[in-house]
Amino acid sequence: MSKLREFRQAKGLTQTKLARKIKMANSCVSAVETGNRQPWPNFQKRVSKALGVPESEIFCDE
């Protein structure tokens, strides 16, 4: 499971709810969670702020 998914679920958010919070498409969240797309800087900043977790904890290399 991706770190993004773990943190998102821990906050009780669905992919759709997180996508709305960060004002991006649900498909963006899904693609990053599944590893089909690398997270870009703007995405990382928005997700970090929405989840209240440092970028380095969510998007570190596993």
N, C-alpha and C. Protein backbone atom coordinates (compact mmCIF):
# COMPACT_ATOMS: atom_id res chain seq x y z
N MET A 1 0.85 -1.18 0.00
CA MET A 1 0.00 0.00 0.00
C MET A 1 0.89 1.24 0.00
N SER A 2 0.49 2.24 -0.77
CA SER A 2 1.29 3.46 -0.85
C SER A 2 1.14 4.29 0.42
N LYS A 3 2.16 5.08 0.70
CA LYS A 3 2.10 5.98 1.87
C LYS A 3 0.95 6.96 1.72
N LEU A 4 0.74 7.45 0.51
CA LEU A 4 -0.36 8.38 0.28
C LEU A 4 -1.68 7.74 0.68
N ARG A 5 -1.91 6.53 0.25
CA ARG A 5 -3.15 5.83 0.59
C ARG A 5 -3.28 5.64 2.10
N GLU A 6 -2.18 5.26 2.75
CA GLU A 6 -2.20 5.06 4.20
C GLU A 6 -2.60 6.34 4.93
N PHE A 7 -1.96 7.46 4.59
CA PHE A 7 -2.27 8.72 5.24
C PHE A 7 -3.68 9.20 4.91
N ARG A 8 -4.09 9.01 3.66
CA ARG A 8 -5.44 9.43 3.25
C ARG A 8 -6.50 8.65 4.04
N GLN A 9 -6.32 7.35 4.12
CA GLN A 9 -7.29 6.52 4.84
C GLN A 9 -7.27 6.81 6.33
N ALA A 10 -6.10 7.10 6.88
CA ALA A 10 -6.00 7.42 8.31
C ALA A 10 -6.78 8.69 8.64
N LYS A 11 -6.89 9.59 7.67
CA LYS A 11 -7.67 10.83 7.87
C LYS A 11 -9.14 10.62 7.54
N GLY A 12 -9.50 9.41 7.13
CA GLY A 12 -10.89 9.10 6.82
C GLY A 12 -11.38 9.69 5.51
N LEU A 13 -10.47 9.88 4.57
CA LEU A 13 -10.83 10.47 3.29
C LEU A 13 -10.84 9.43 2.17
N THR A 14 -11.79 9.54 1.29
CA THR A 14 -11.78 8.75 0.07
C THR A 14 -10.91 9.48 -0.94
N GLN A 15 -10.59 8.82 -2.03
CA GLN A 15 -9.82 9.50 -3.08
C GLN A 15 -10.59 10.71 -3.60
N THR A 16 -11.89 10.57 -3.73
CA THR A 16 -12.72 11.66 -4.23
C THR A 16 -12.70 12.86 -3.28
N LYS A 17 -12.82 12.60 -1.99
CA LYS A 17 -12.82 13.69 -1.01
C LYS A 17 -11.47 14.40 -0.98
N LEU A 18 -10.38 13.63 -1.06
CA LEU A 18 -9.06 14.25 -1.09
C LEU A 18 -8.90 15.07 -2.37
N ALA A 19 -9.33 14.53 -3.48
CA ALA A 19 -9.23 15.25 -4.75
C ALA A 19 -9.98 16.58 -4.68
N ARG A 20 -11.14 16.59 -4.07
CA ARG A 20 -11.90 17.84 -3.92
C ARG A 20 -11.16 18.82 -3.03
N LYS A 21 -10.56 18.33 -1.95
CA LYS A 21 -9.82 19.21 -1.03
C LYS A 21 -8.62 19.87 -1.72
N ILE A 22 -7.96 19.13 -2.59
CA ILE A 22 -6.77 19.67 -3.24
C ILE A 22 -7.10 20.28 -4.61
N LYS A 23 -8.37 20.26 -4.98
CA LYS A 23 -8.85 20.85 -6.24
C LYS A 23 -8.14 20.26 -7.46
N MET A 24 -8.12 18.94 -7.47
CA MET A 24 -7.58 18.20 -8.61
C MET A 24 -8.52 17.04 -8.92
N ALA A 25 -8.31 16.44 -10.06
CA ALA A 25 -9.16 15.33 -10.48
C ALA A 25 -8.87 14.08 -9.64
N ASN A 26 -9.92 13.31 -9.41
CA ASN A 26 -9.80 12.05 -8.69
C ASN A 26 -8.79 11.13 -9.38
N SER A 27 -8.75 11.19 -10.69
CA SER A 27 -7.83 10.33 -11.45
C SER A 27 -6.37 10.65 -11.12
N CYS A 28 -6.08 11.88 -10.75
CA CYS A 28 -4.70 12.25 -10.36
C CYS A 28 -4.32 11.54 -9.07
N VAL A 29 -5.21 11.59 -8.09
CA VAL A 29 -4.94 10.93 -6.81
C VAL A 29 -4.78 9.43 -7.03
N SER A 30 -5.67 8.85 -7.79
CA SER A 30 -5.62 7.42 -8.07
C SER A 30 -4.33 7.02 -8.77
N ALA A 31 -3.93 7.79 -9.77
CA ALA A 31 -2.73 7.46 -10.54
C ALA A 31 -1.48 7.50 -9.67
N VAL A 32 -1.40 8.47 -8.78
CA VAL A 32 -0.23 8.56 -7.89
C VAL A 32 -0.26 7.43 -6.87
N GLU A 33 -1.42 7.15 -6.31
CA GLU A 33 -1.53 6.06 -5.32
C GLU A 33 -1.13 4.71 -5.90
N THR A 34 -1.51 4.46 -7.12
CA THR A 34 -1.22 3.16 -7.73
C THR A 34 0.18 3.09 -8.35
N GLY A 35 0.87 4.22 -8.39
CA GLY A 35 2.21 4.24 -8.95
C GLY A 35 2.25 4.40 -10.45
N ASN A 36 1.10 4.69 -11.05
CA ASN A 36 1.04 4.89 -12.50
C ASN A 36 1.56 6.26 -12.91
N ARG A 37 1.68 7.16 -11.94
CA ARG A 37 2.20 8.50 -12.20
C ARG A 37 3.00 8.97 -11.00
N GLN A 38 4.10 9.63 -11.28
CA GLN A 38 4.93 10.18 -10.21
C GLN A 38 4.28 11.48 -9.72
N PRO A 39 4.30 11.71 -8.40
CA PRO A 39 3.73 12.96 -7.89
C PRO A 39 4.58 14.16 -8.28
N TRP A 40 3.96 15.20 -8.77
CA TRP A 40 4.67 16.41 -9.17
C TRP A 40 4.64 17.39 -8.00
N PRO A 41 5.53 18.37 -7.98
CA PRO A 41 5.68 19.26 -6.81
C PRO A 41 4.38 19.92 -6.34
N ASN A 42 3.57 20.45 -7.23
CA ASN A 42 2.33 21.11 -6.84
C ASN A 42 1.37 20.11 -6.17
N PHE A 43 1.30 18.92 -6.72
CA PHE A 43 0.46 17.87 -6.15
C PHE A 43 0.93 17.54 -4.73
N GLN A 44 2.24 17.37 -4.57
CA GLN A 44 2.79 17.04 -3.26
C GLN A 44 2.47 18.11 -2.23
N LYS A 45 2.61 19.37 -2.59
CA LYS A 45 2.33 20.47 -1.66
C LYS A 45 0.87 20.49 -1.25
N ARG A 46 -0.02 20.33 -2.22
CA ARG A 46 -1.46 20.35 -1.91
C ARG A 46 -1.87 19.18 -1.01
N VAL A 47 -1.37 18.01 -1.32
CA VAL A 47 -1.70 16.82 -0.52
C VAL A 47 -1.15 16.96 0.89
N SER A 48 0.06 17.41 1.00
CA SER A 48 0.70 17.59 2.30
C SER A 48 -0.12 18.54 3.18
N LYS A 49 -0.53 19.65 2.60
CA LYS A 49 -1.32 20.64 3.33
C LYS A 49 -2.69 20.06 3.72
N ALA A 50 -3.33 19.38 2.79
CA ALA A 50 -4.67 18.81 3.04
C ALA A 50 -4.64 17.74 4.13
N LEU A 51 -3.57 16.95 4.17
CA LEU A 51 -3.49 15.87 5.15
C LEU A 51 -2.79 16.29 6.44
N GLY A 52 -2.11 17.44 6.41
CA GLY A 52 -1.40 17.90 7.59
C GLY A 52 -0.19 17.05 7.93
N VAL A 53 0.46 16.55 6.88
CA VAL A 53 1.62 15.67 7.04
C VAL A 53 2.73 16.21 6.13
N PRO A 54 3.98 16.25 6.61
CA PRO A 54 5.08 16.73 5.75
C PRO A 54 5.22 15.91 4.47
N GLU A 55 5.55 16.61 3.39
CA GLU A 55 5.73 15.94 2.10
C GLU A 55 6.70 14.77 2.19
N SER A 56 7.77 14.97 2.96
CA SER A 56 8.80 13.93 3.04
C SER A 56 8.29 12.63 3.66
N GLU A 57 7.26 12.72 4.48
CA GLU A 57 6.69 11.49 5.06
C GLU A 57 5.77 10.76 4.09
N ILE A 58 5.09 11.52 3.27
CA ILE A 58 4.13 10.92 2.33
C ILE A 58 4.82 10.41 1.07
N PHE A 59 5.74 11.20 0.56
CA PHE A 59 6.32 10.91 -0.75
C PHE A 59 7.77 10.49 -0.70
N CYS A 60 8.18 9.83 0.37
CA CYS A 60 9.54 9.33 0.42
C CYS A 60 9.66 8.06 -0.41
N ASP A 61 10.88 7.78 -0.87
CA ASP A 61 11.11 6.54 -1.60
C ASP A 61 11.06 5.38 -0.64
N GLU A 62 10.26 4.38 -0.98
CA GLU A 62 10.09 3.24 -0.07
C GLU A 62 11.13 2.18 -0.28
